C-alpha atoms as a PDB file:
ATOM      1  CA  MET A   1      69.081 191.700 163.277  1.00  0.00           C
ATOM      2  CA  VAL A   2      68.896 188.476 161.644  1.00  0.00           C
ATOM      3  CA  PHE A   3      69.707 186.164 164.122  1.00  0.00           C
ATOM      4  CA  LYS A   4      66.987 187.879 166.099  1.00  0.00           C
ATOM      5  CA  ALA A   5      64.330 187.180 163.278  1.00  0.00           C
ATOM      6  CA  GLU A   6      65.777 183.742 162.700  1.00  0.00           C
ATOM      7  CA  LEU A   7      65.594 183.019 166.524  1.00  0.00           C
ATOM      8  CA  PHE A   8      62.537 184.935 167.667  1.00  0.00           C
ATOM      9  CA  GLY A   9      61.121 186.201 164.472  1.00  0.00           C
ATOM     10  CA  GLU A  10      58.949 185.145 161.228  1.00  0.00           C
ATOM     11  CA  MET A  11      61.810 183.071 159.975  1.00  0.00           C
ATOM     12  CA  LYS A  12      61.527 181.162 163.361  1.00  0.00           C
ATOM     13  CA  GLU A  13      61.162 177.678 162.960  1.00  0.00           C
ATOM     14  CA  LYS A  14      58.160 176.891 165.095  1.00  0.00           C
ATOM     15  CA  ASP A  15      58.656 172.832 165.596  1.00  0.00           C
ATOM     16  CA  THR A  16      62.349 172.743 166.112  1.00  0.00           C
ATOM     17  CA  SER A  17      64.443 174.003 169.132  1.00  0.00           C
ATOM     18  CA  CYS A  18      67.644 174.261 166.448  1.00  0.00           C
ATOM     19  CA  ILE A  19      68.251 176.088 163.407  1.00  0.00           C
ATOM     20  CA  THR A  20      70.753 174.634 160.901  1.00  0.00           C
ATOM     21  CA  ILE A  21      73.235 176.177 158.948  1.00  0.00           C
ATOM     22  CA  ASP A  22      74.030 174.403 155.991  1.00  0.00           C
ATOM     23  CA  ASP A  23      75.551 176.814 154.102  1.00  0.00           C
ATOM     24  CA  MET A  24      79.063 178.062 156.347  1.00  0.00           C
ATOM     25  CA  ASP A  25      82.076 176.113 157.472  1.00  0.00           C
ATOM     26  CA  PRO A  26      81.878 175.348 160.820  1.00  0.00           C
ATOM     27  CA  ALA A  27      85.385 177.039 161.429  1.00  0.00           C
ATOM     28  CA  ILE A  28      83.551 180.301 159.959  1.00  0.00           C
ATOM     29  CA  PHE A  29      80.641 180.110 162.070  1.00  0.00           C
ATOM     30  CA  GLU A  30      83.040 179.271 165.201  1.00  0.00           C
ATOM     31  CA  ALA A  31      85.081 182.511 164.374  1.00  0.00           C
ATOM     32  CA  LEU A  32      81.407 184.467 163.518  1.00  0.00           C
ATOM     33  CA  LEU A  33      80.465 183.793 166.935  1.00  0.00           C
ATOM     34  CA  TYR A  34      83.838 184.379 168.815  1.00  0.00           C
ATOM     35  CA  PHE A  35      83.019 188.209 167.105  1.00  0.00           C
ATOM     36  CA  ILE A  36      80.162 188.429 168.336  1.00  0.00           C
ATOM     37  CA  TYR A  37      80.729 187.773 171.895  1.00  0.00           C
ATOM     38  CA  THR A  38      84.110 189.272 172.311  1.00  0.00           C
ATOM     39  CA  ASP A  39      84.111 192.205 169.825  1.00  0.00           C
ATOM     40  CA  LEU A  40      87.594 190.418 168.573  1.00  0.00           C
ATOM     41  CA  LEU A  41      88.358 188.249 165.538  1.00  0.00           C
ATOM     42  CA  PRO A  42      89.989 185.088 166.802  1.00  0.00           C
ATOM     43  CA  ASP A  43      93.448 184.333 166.829  1.00  0.00           C
ATOM     44  CA  ASP A  44      93.644 182.197 164.195  1.00  0.00           C
ATOM     45  CA  CYS A  45      92.205 184.775 161.735  1.00  0.00           C
ATOM     46  CA  ASN A  46      96.303 185.531 161.738  1.00  0.00           C
ATOM     47  CA  ALA A  47      97.030 182.169 160.496  1.00  0.00           C
ATOM     48  CA  ASP A  48      98.011 181.194 157.334  1.00  0.00           C
ATOM     49  CA  ASN A  49      95.165 181.086 155.831  1.00  0.00           C
ATOM     50  CA  GLN A  50      94.220 184.159 156.869  1.00  0.00           C
ATOM     51  CA  ASP A  51      93.313 185.468 153.668  1.00  0.00           C
ATOM     52  CA  VAL A  52      90.715 182.419 152.950  1.00  0.00           C
ATOM     53  CA  MET A  53      89.138 183.001 156.445  1.00  0.00           C
ATOM     54  CA  MET A  54      88.896 186.478 155.706  1.00  0.00           C
ATOM     55  CA  GLN A  55      87.038 186.291 152.924  1.00  0.00           C
ATOM     56  CA  HIS A  56      84.429 183.674 153.962  1.00  0.00           C
ATOM     57  CA  LEU A  57      84.139 185.895 157.366  1.00  0.00           C
ATOM     58  CA  LEU A  58      82.992 188.962 155.295  1.00  0.00           C
ATOM     59  CA  VAL A  59      80.533 186.934 153.579  1.00  0.00           C
ATOM     60  CA  ALA A  60      79.043 185.588 156.720  1.00  0.00           C
ATOM     61  CA  ALA A  61      79.455 189.334 158.605  1.00  0.00           C
ATOM     62  CA  ASP A  62      77.394 190.686 155.015  1.00  0.00           C
ATOM     63  CA  ARG A  63      74.889 187.814 155.357  1.00  0.00           C
ATOM     64  CA  TYR A  64      74.018 188.118 159.112  1.00  0.00           C
ATOM     65  CA  GLY A  65      74.393 192.172 159.227  1.00  0.00           C
ATOM     66  CA  LEU A  66      78.131 192.506 161.469  1.00  0.00           C
ATOM     67  CA  ASP A  67      79.007 195.707 159.690  1.00  0.00           C
ATOM     68  CA  ARG A  68      82.217 195.862 162.243  1.00  0.00           C
ATOM     69  CA  LEU A  69      82.747 192.482 161.673  1.00  0.00           C
ATOM     70  CA  ARG A  70      82.493 193.482 158.264  1.00  0.00           C
ATOM     71  CA  LEU A  71      85.474 196.208 158.065  1.00  0.00           C
ATOM     72  CA  MET A  72      87.723 194.495 160.270  1.00  0.00           C
ATOM     73  CA  CYS A  73      87.561 191.690 157.500  1.00  0.00           C
ATOM     74  CA  GLU A  74      87.850 194.414 154.645  1.00  0.00           C
ATOM     75  CA  GLU A  75      90.939 195.908 156.802  1.00  0.00           C
ATOM     76  CA  LYS A  76      92.796 192.519 157.250  1.00  0.00           C
ATOM     77  CA  LEU A  77      92.098 191.587 153.411  1.00  0.00           C
ATOM     78  CA  CYS A  78      93.659 195.275 152.446  1.00  0.00           C
ATOM     79  CA  GLU A  79      96.628 194.571 154.343  1.00  0.00           C
ATOM     80  CA  SER A  80      97.563 190.990 152.736  1.00  0.00           C
ATOM     81  CA  MET A  81      96.688 191.936 149.247  1.00  0.00           C
ATOM     82  CA  ASP A  82      99.143 190.217 146.831  1.00  0.00           C
ATOM     83  CA  VAL A  83      98.898 189.624 143.026  1.00  0.00           C
ATOM     84  CA  GLN A  84      97.324 186.266 143.558  1.00  0.00           C
ATOM     85  CA  THR A  85      94.788 187.705 146.047  1.00  0.00           C
ATOM     86  CA  VAL A  86      93.400 190.865 144.214  1.00  0.00           C
ATOM     87  CA  ALA A  87      91.292 189.695 141.945  1.00  0.00           C
ATOM     88  CA  THR A  88      89.252 187.389 143.992  1.00  0.00           C
ATOM     89  CA  ILE A  89      89.166 190.139 147.061  1.00  0.00           C
ATOM     90  CA  LEU A  90      87.494 192.309 144.032  1.00  0.00           C
ATOM     91  CA  ALA A  91      85.279 190.181 143.089  1.00  0.00           C
ATOM     92  CA  LEU A  92      83.971 189.908 146.862  1.00  0.00           C
ATOM     93  CA  ALA A  93      84.110 193.705 147.411  1.00  0.00           C
ATOM     94  CA  GLU A  94      82.060 193.735 144.180  1.00  0.00           C
ATOM     95  CA  GLN A  95      79.377 191.343 145.282  1.00  0.00           C
ATOM     96  CA  HIS A  96      79.352 192.519 148.785  1.00  0.00           C
ATOM     97  CA  HIS A  97      79.330 196.137 148.380  1.00  0.00           C
ATOM     98  CA  CYS A  98      82.360 196.978 149.843  1.00  0.00           C
ATOM     99  CA  ALA A  99      83.175 199.921 148.593  1.00  0.00           C
ATOM    100  CA  GLN A 100      86.670 200.982 150.339  1.00  0.00           C
ATOM    101  CA  LEU A 101      87.759 197.224 149.621  1.00  0.00           C
ATOM    102  CA  LYS A 102      86.919 197.771 146.152  1.00  0.00           C
ATOM    103  CA  ASP A 103      88.756 201.112 145.950  1.00  0.00           C
ATOM    104  CA  VAL A 104      91.771 199.355 147.511  1.00  0.00           C
ATOM    105  CA  CYS A 105      91.459 196.232 145.329  1.00  0.00           C
ATOM    106  CA  LEU A 106      91.434 198.736 142.108  1.00  0.00           C
ATOM    107  CA  GLU A 107      94.193 201.402 143.476  1.00  0.00           C
ATOM    108  CA  PHE A 108      96.591 198.374 143.546  1.00  0.00           C
ATOM    109  CA  ILE A 109      96.217 197.245 140.464  1.00  0.00           C
ATOM    110  CA  ALA A 110      96.798 200.340 138.663  1.00  0.00           C
ATOM    111  CA  SER A 111      99.505 201.834 141.195  1.00  0.00           C
ATOM    112  CA  HIS A 112     101.749 199.044 141.244  1.00  0.00           C
ATOM    113  CA  ASP A 113     101.243 197.986 137.171  1.00  0.00           C
ATOM    114  CA  VAL A 114     100.601 194.689 137.962  1.00  0.00           C
ATOM    115  CA  LEU A 115      97.532 194.971 136.226  1.00  0.00           C
ATOM    116  CA  GLY A 116      99.265 192.394 133.546  1.00  0.00           C
ATOM    117  CA  VAL A 117     100.330 189.809 135.964  1.00  0.00           C
ATOM    118  CA  VAL A 118      96.802 189.701 137.710  1.00  0.00           C
ATOM    119  CA  MET A 119      95.192 189.406 134.584  1.00  0.00           C
ATOM    120  CA  GLN A 120      97.228 185.970 133.991  1.00  0.00           C
ATOM    121  CA  THR A 121      95.888 184.473 137.225  1.00  0.00           C
ATOM    122  CA  ASP A 122      92.607 182.009 137.088  1.00  0.00           C
ATOM    123  CA  GLU A 123      91.258 184.446 139.900  1.00  0.00           C
ATOM    124  CA  PHE A 124      91.100 187.246 137.757  1.00  0.00           C
ATOM    125  CA  LYS A 125      89.571 184.789 134.952  1.00  0.00           C
ATOM    126  CA  HIS A 126      86.795 184.448 137.277  1.00  0.00           C
ATOM    127  CA  LEU A 127      86.644 187.890 138.077  1.00  0.00           C
ATOM    128  CA  THR A 128      85.943 188.458 134.550  1.00  0.00           C
ATOM    129  CA  THR A 129      82.484 186.080 134.107  1.00  0.00           C
ATOM    130  CA  SER A 130      81.565 186.805 137.743  1.00  0.00           C
ATOM    131  CA  CYS A 131      81.383 190.329 137.709  1.00  0.00           C
ATOM    132  CA  PRO A 132      82.166 191.741 134.025  1.00  0.00           C
ATOM    133  CA  SER A 133      81.314 194.997 134.498  1.00  0.00           C
ATOM    134  CA  ILE A 134      84.244 194.811 136.935  1.00  0.00           C
ATOM    135  CA  MET A 135      86.389 195.429 133.881  1.00  0.00           C
ATOM    136  CA  LYS A 136      85.452 198.972 132.844  1.00  0.00           C
ATOM    137  CA  ASP A 137      86.210 200.120 136.704  1.00  0.00           C
ATOM    138  CA  ILE A 138      89.719 198.716 136.528  1.00  0.00           C
ATOM    139  CA  LEU A 139      90.250 200.706 132.863  1.00  0.00           C
ATOM    140  CA  ASP A 140      88.993 203.901 134.876  1.00  0.00           C
ATOM    141  CA  LYS A 141      91.243 203.583 137.426  1.00  0.00           C
ATOM    142  CA  VAL A 142      94.359 202.648 135.047  1.00  0.00           C
ATOM    143  CA  ALA A 143      93.274 205.338 133.408  1.00  0.00           C
ATOM    144  CA  ALA A 144      93.514 207.870 135.836  1.00  0.00           C
ATOM    145  CA  ASN A 145      96.331 206.787 137.341  1.00  0.00           C
ATOM    146  CA  ALA A 146      98.325 206.960 133.896  1.00  0.00           C
ATOM    147  CA  ILE A 147      97.065 210.826 133.459  1.00  0.00           C
ATOM    148  CA  ARG A 148      98.452 211.656 136.568  1.00  0.00           C
ATOM    149  CA  ARG A 149     101.954 210.271 136.160  1.00  0.00           C
ATOM    150  CA  GLU A 150     101.973 212.608 132.727  1.00  0.00           C
END
């Protein structure tokens, strides 16, 4: 829908034959186009840089209204989540309204007793400044899990 608006709608650049996308890494845009044409993630999404690529691709999918791609990115991020990445993924989930991904992040933090370790990361410090309201969600989930354990 967004592409249609950019190419044919009011957003269309009337005097130019090309659309410039300045705010996206070319590799991410290439992966986005690959998905549009094949309905698959590119093979390099399984490489060492998968987490970062999936994070950027999730943002692009949200921006362009590609819900299936967004869900695929969320799934990959859930699979690869660890103590170092959970805060960044949680911030993305909050900012891009990914409720299921947010729940998985909160459950990871609460159920693995890793909150103390996660809180020591730079990513967590960034999370608390970029999404301060998320602290209540984290505390609620930790408290709920503590009550269940009793």
